[in-house]
C-alpha atoms as a PDB file:
ATOM      1  CA  MET A   1      78.324  44.710  -2.343  1.00  0.00           C
ATOM      2  CA  LYS A   2      77.731  41.014  -3.158  1.00  0.00           C
ATOM      3  CA  LYS A   3      74.107  41.755  -4.029  1.00  0.00           C
ATOM      4  CA  PHE A   4      75.207  44.504  -6.396  1.00  0.00           C
ATOM      5  CA  VAL A   5      77.735  42.209  -8.098  1.00  0.00           C
ATOM      6  CA  ARG A   6      75.069  39.489  -8.478  1.00  0.00           C
ATOM      7  CA  PHE A   7      72.644  42.055  -9.873  1.00  0.00           C
ATOM      8  CA  VAL A   8      75.145  43.360 -12.446  1.00  0.00           C
ATOM      9  CA  SER A   9      76.140  39.800 -13.319  1.00  0.00           C
ATOM     10  CA  ALA A  10      72.479  38.877 -13.879  1.00  0.00           C
ATOM     11  CA  LEU A  11      72.037  41.952 -16.094  1.00  0.00           C
ATOM     12  CA  PHE A  12      74.916  40.806 -18.291  1.00  0.00           C
ATOM     13  CA  VAL A  13      73.660  37.199 -18.449  1.00  0.00           C
ATOM     14  CA  TYR A  14      70.082  38.123 -19.315  1.00  0.00           C
ATOM     15  CA  GLY A  15      71.266  40.888 -21.637  1.00  0.00           C
ATOM     16  CA  ARG A  16      73.206  38.277 -23.617  1.00  0.00           C
ATOM     17  CA  ILE A  17      70.354  35.758 -23.527  1.00  0.00           C
ATOM     18  CA  LEU A  18      68.001  38.403 -24.942  1.00  0.00           C
ATOM     19  CA  SER A  19      70.634  39.603 -27.476  1.00  0.00           C
ATOM     20  CA  LEU A  20      70.669  43.100 -25.991  1.00  0.00           C
ATOM     21  CA  ASP A  21      74.457  43.066 -26.288  1.00  0.00           C
ATOM     22  CA  VAL A  22      74.093  42.740 -30.053  1.00  0.00           C
ATOM     23  CA  VAL A  23      71.550  45.581 -30.113  1.00  0.00           C
ATOM     24  CA  LEU A  24      73.897  47.815 -28.141  1.00  0.00           C
ATOM     25  CA  GLY A  25      76.806  46.840 -30.404  1.00  0.00           C
ATOM     26  CA  VAL A  26      74.979  47.631 -33.639  1.00  0.00           C
ATOM     27  CA  ILE A  27      73.796  50.999 -32.308  1.00  0.00           C
ATOM     28  CA  LEU A  28      77.318  51.913 -31.176  1.00  0.00           C
ATOM     29  CA  MET A  29      78.755  50.834 -34.536  1.00  0.00           C
ATOM     30  CA  ALA A  30      76.172  52.958 -36.375  1.00  0.00           C
ATOM     31  CA  LEU A  31      77.133  55.943 -34.228  1.00  0.00           C
ATOM     32  CA  LEU A  32      80.813  55.287 -34.867  1.00  0.00           C
ATOM     33  CA  GLY A  33      80.238  54.970 -38.611  1.00  0.00           C
ATOM     34  CA  GLY A  34      78.266  58.200 -38.623  1.00  0.00           C
ATOM     35  CA  HIS A  35      81.016  59.949 -36.674  1.00  0.00           C
ATOM     36  CA  ILE A  36      83.771  58.702 -38.981  1.00  0.00           C
ATOM     37  CA  CYS A  37      81.823  59.722 -42.089  1.00  0.00           C
ATOM     38  CA  HIS A  38      80.784  63.064 -40.559  1.00  0.00           C
ATOM     39  CA  HIS A  39      77.162  62.107 -41.104  1.00  0.00           C
ATOM     40  CA  PRO A  40      75.165  62.013 -37.850  1.00  0.00           C
ATOM     41  CA  VAL A  41      72.702  59.158 -37.531  1.00  0.00           C
ATOM     42  CA  GLU A  42      69.170  60.223 -36.662  1.00  0.00           C
ATOM     43  CA  LYS A  43      67.687  58.951 -33.397  1.00  0.00           C
ATOM     44  CA  VAL A  44      64.733  57.416 -35.204  1.00  0.00           C
ATOM     45  CA  VAL A  45      67.132  55.416 -37.405  1.00  0.00           C
ATOM     46  CA  LEU A  46      69.012  54.193 -34.317  1.00  0.00           C
ATOM     47  CA  ALA A  47      65.730  53.171 -32.685  1.00  0.00           C
ATOM     48  CA  ALA A  48      64.613  51.334 -35.826  1.00  0.00           C
ATOM     49  CA  LEU A  49      68.008  49.658 -36.181  1.00  0.00           C
ATOM     50  CA  GLY A  50      68.109  48.489 -32.569  1.00  0.00           C
ATOM     51  CA  LEU A  51      64.519  47.229 -32.607  1.00  0.00           C
ATOM     52  CA  THR A  52      64.962  45.482 -35.953  1.00  0.00           C
ATOM     53  CA  VAL A  53      68.113  43.696 -34.813  1.00  0.00           C
ATOM     54  CA  TRP A  54      66.383  42.591 -31.598  1.00  0.00           C
ATOM     55  CA  LEU A  55      63.345  41.344 -33.536  1.00  0.00           C
ATOM     56  CA  ILE A  56      65.495  39.378 -35.984  1.00  0.00           C
ATOM     57  CA  TYR A  57      67.701  37.815 -33.318  1.00  0.00           C
ATOM     58  CA  THR A  58      64.743  37.010 -31.071  1.00  0.00           C
ATOM     59  CA  LEU A  59      62.812  35.418 -33.930  1.00  0.00           C
ATOM     60  CA  ASP A  60      65.858  33.302 -34.756  1.00  0.00           C
ATOM     61  CA  HIS A  61      66.203  32.177 -31.128  1.00  0.00           C
ATOM     62  CA  LEU A  62      62.474  31.453 -30.882  1.00  0.00           C
ATOM     63  CA  LEU A  63      62.596  29.343 -34.054  1.00  0.00           C
ATOM     64  CA  ASP A  64      65.560  27.425 -32.649  1.00  0.00           C
ATOM     65  CA  ALA A  65      63.832  26.978 -29.276  1.00  0.00           C
ATOM     66  CA  TYR A  66      60.714  25.705 -31.018  1.00  0.00           C
ATOM     67  CA  GLN A  67      62.645  23.176 -33.112  1.00  0.00           C
ATOM     68  CA  ILE A  68      64.988  21.872 -30.397  1.00  0.00           C
ATOM     69  CA  PRO A  69      63.472  19.179 -28.179  1.00  0.00           C
ATOM     70  CA  PRO A  70      63.362  20.305 -24.524  1.00  0.00           C
ATOM     71  CA  PRO A  71      65.458  20.730 -22.554  1.00  0.00           C
ATOM     72  CA  ALA A  72      67.792  22.616 -24.881  1.00  0.00           C
ATOM     73  CA  HIS A  73      71.551  22.373 -24.335  1.00  0.00           C
ATOM     74  CA  THR A  74      72.286  26.095 -24.209  1.00  0.00           C
ATOM     75  CA  LEU A  75      71.075  28.554 -21.590  1.00  0.00           C
ATOM     76  CA  ARG A  76      69.756  30.901 -24.288  1.00  0.00           C
ATOM     77  CA  HIS A  77      67.628  28.224 -25.933  1.00  0.00           C
ATOM     78  CA  ARG A  78      66.377  26.882 -22.588  1.00  0.00           C
ATOM     79  CA  PHE A  79      65.355  30.425 -21.639  1.00  0.00           C
ATOM     80  CA  HIS A  80      63.536  30.876 -24.951  1.00  0.00           C
ATOM     81  CA  GLN A  81      61.795  27.517 -24.495  1.00  0.00           C
ATOM     82  CA  GLN A  82      60.767  28.311 -20.928  1.00  0.00           C
ATOM     83  CA  TYR A  83      59.444  31.808 -21.715  1.00  0.00           C
ATOM     84  CA  PHE A  84      58.359  31.109 -25.295  1.00  0.00           C
ATOM     85  CA  GLY A  85      54.855  32.574 -25.002  1.00  0.00           C
ATOM     86  CA  LEU A  86      56.008  35.692 -23.166  1.00  0.00           C
ATOM     87  CA  LEU A  87      58.802  36.317 -25.683  1.00  0.00           C
ATOM     88  CA  VAL A  88      56.386  35.854 -28.599  1.00  0.00           C
ATOM     89  CA  PHE A  89      54.073  38.421 -26.954  1.00  0.00           C
ATOM     90  CA  PHE A  90      56.941  40.920 -26.561  1.00  0.00           C
ATOM     91  CA  TRP A  91      58.101  40.186 -30.110  1.00  0.00           C
ATOM     92  CA  PHE A  92      54.704  41.154 -31.529  1.00  0.00           C
ATOM     93  CA  LEU A  93      54.487  44.115 -29.153  1.00  0.00           C
ATOM     94  CA  GLY A  94      57.910  45.343 -30.319  1.00  0.00           C
ATOM     95  CA  ALA A  95      57.023  44.838 -33.975  1.00  0.00           C
ATOM     96  CA  GLY A  96      53.706  46.643 -33.523  1.00  0.00           C
ATOM     97  CA  LEU A  97      55.217  49.556 -31.620  1.00  0.00           C
ATOM     98  CA  GLY A  98      58.000  49.811 -34.184  1.00  0.00           C
ATOM     99  CA  LEU A  99      55.543  49.964 -37.054  1.00  0.00           C
ATOM    100  CA  ARG A 100      53.288  52.419 -35.236  1.00  0.00           C
ATOM    101  CA  GLN A 101      55.774  54.709 -33.481  1.00  0.00           C
ATOM    102  CA  ILE A 102      59.035  54.497 -35.450  1.00  0.00           C
ATOM    103  CA  ALA A 103      58.334  53.474 -39.041  1.00  0.00           C
ATOM    104  CA  PRO A 104      56.376  56.598 -40.078  1.00  0.00           C
ATOM    105  CA  PHE A 105      59.402  58.774 -39.333  1.00  0.00           C
ATOM    106  CA  LEU A 106      62.005  56.783 -41.263  1.00  0.00           C
ATOM    107  CA  PRO A 107      63.507  58.230 -44.453  1.00  0.00           C
ATOM    108  CA  SER A 108      62.242  56.628 -47.687  1.00  0.00           C
ATOM    109  CA  GLU A 109      65.742  55.341 -48.505  1.00  0.00           C
ATOM    110  CA  ILE A 110      65.684  53.212 -45.341  1.00  0.00           C
ATOM    111  CA  TRP A 111      62.274  51.823 -46.332  1.00  0.00           C
ATOM    112  CA  LYS A 112      63.405  50.886 -49.849  1.00  0.00           C
ATOM    113  CA  ARG A 113      66.538  49.075 -48.680  1.00  0.00           C
ATOM    114  CA  GLY A 114      64.737  47.501 -45.757  1.00  0.00           C
ATOM    115  CA  LEU A 115      62.005  46.085 -47.977  1.00  0.00           C
ATOM    116  CA  ALA A 116      64.611  44.730 -50.399  1.00  0.00           C
ATOM    117  CA  MET A 117      66.368  42.981 -47.509  1.00  0.00           C
ATOM    118  CA  LEU A 118      63.020  41.687 -46.240  1.00  0.00           C
ATOM    119  CA  VAL A 119      62.388  40.047 -49.604  1.00  0.00           C
ATOM    120  CA  LEU A 120      65.868  38.474 -49.674  1.00  0.00           C
ATOM    121  CA  VAL A 121      65.853  37.263 -46.073  1.00  0.00           C
ATOM    122  CA  GLY A 122      62.197  36.222 -46.185  1.00  0.00           C
ATOM    123  CA  GLY A 123      62.783  34.267 -49.395  1.00  0.00           C
ATOM    124  CA  HIS A 124      65.758  32.572 -47.809  1.00  0.00           C
ATOM    125  CA  PHE A 125      63.752  31.552 -44.733  1.00  0.00           C
ATOM    126  CA  ILE A 126      61.003  30.212 -46.991  1.00  0.00           C
ATOM    127  CA  LEU A 127      63.556  28.141 -48.931  1.00  0.00           C
ATOM    128  CA  CYS A 128      64.938  26.769 -45.675  1.00  0.00           C
ATOM    129  CA  GLY A 129      61.453  25.972 -44.427  1.00  0.00           C
ATOM    130  CA  LEU A 130      60.539  24.161 -47.626  1.00  0.00           C
ATOM    131  CA  GLY A 131      63.394  21.735 -47.201  1.00  0.00           C
ATOM    132  CA  ALA A 132      65.957  23.310 -49.489  1.00  0.00           C
ATOM    133  CA  ARG A 133      68.776  22.044 -47.296  1.00  0.00           C
ATOM    134  CA  ARG A 134      70.026  20.040 -50.248  1.00  0.00           C
ATOM    135  CA  LEU A 135      71.080  23.371 -51.753  1.00  0.00           C
ATOM    136  CA  GLY A 136      74.167  23.295 -49.554  1.00  0.00           C
ATOM    137  CA  ILE A 137      75.112  26.541 -47.850  1.00  0.00           C
ATOM    138  CA  LEU A 138      72.054  28.367 -49.264  1.00  0.00           C
ATOM    139  CA  GLY A 139      69.756  25.886 -47.530  1.00  0.00           C
ATOM    140  CA  LYS A 140      71.334  26.388 -44.132  1.00  0.00           C
ATOM    141  CA  ARG A 141      69.899  29.263 -42.136  1.00  0.00           C
ATOM    142  CA  LYS A 142      72.960  30.288 -40.111  1.00  0.00           C
ATOM    143  CA  PRO A 143      75.793  30.343 -42.707  1.00  0.00           C
ATOM    144  CA  ALA A 144      73.678  31.965 -45.408  1.00  0.00           C
ATOM    145  CA  SER A 145      72.580  34.725 -43.046  1.00  0.00           C
ATOM    146  CA  HIS A 146      76.224  35.810 -42.826  1.00  0.00           C
ATOM    147  CA  PHE A 147      76.058  36.606 -46.534  1.00  0.00           C
ATOM    148  CA  LEU A 148      72.646  38.302 -46.348  1.00  0.00           C
ATOM    149  CA  GLN A 149      73.279  40.555 -43.338  1.00  0.00           C
ATOM    150  CA  PRO A 150      76.002  42.707 -44.950  1.00  0.00           C
ATOM    151  CA  GLY A 151      73.631  43.290 -47.861  1.00  0.00           C
ATOM    152  CA  GLY A 152      71.880  45.931 -45.811  1.00  0.00           C
ATOM    153  CA  ILE A 153      74.942  48.159 -45.821  1.00  0.00           C
ATOM    154  CA  ALA A 154      76.636  47.098 -49.063  1.00  0.00           C
ATOM    155  CA  PRO A 155      74.771  49.610 -51.283  1.00  0.00           C
ATOM    156  CA  ARG A 156      76.125  52.480 -49.098  1.00  0.00           C
ATOM    157  CA  LEU A 157      79.770  51.522 -49.660  1.00  0.00           C
END
């Protein structure tokens, strides 16, 4: 029984480190929203949503792990520093599989909104990378992302 408890505990710890809890949460919220609105969410959309959230969160953690001098203070960032190369490999594998196996089946509306968000978020990351921190909240990656993330659903409201 102790081995089982340790195993389940490790699953939760590594699930959080790898942001799988966020992926599960966003998929469940999409299903709930679809249920409330009586509009079922297609499986391909759920797969794309989950993979996209994991890719975004993992990229963010990898950027943090790269910028923080080792050893990082948090378990998540230490993990991403320690397994940086492996996580980068899986990031590109996930992105490639998503583009090859999921993207062709997505509705055009998802593509249009996704590309618009890519431009906004990508432009923001470029501004941050070019030293636009003097812009205040717009130059800070974390707080500004809280304003950009809801943009993906705002047009549907």
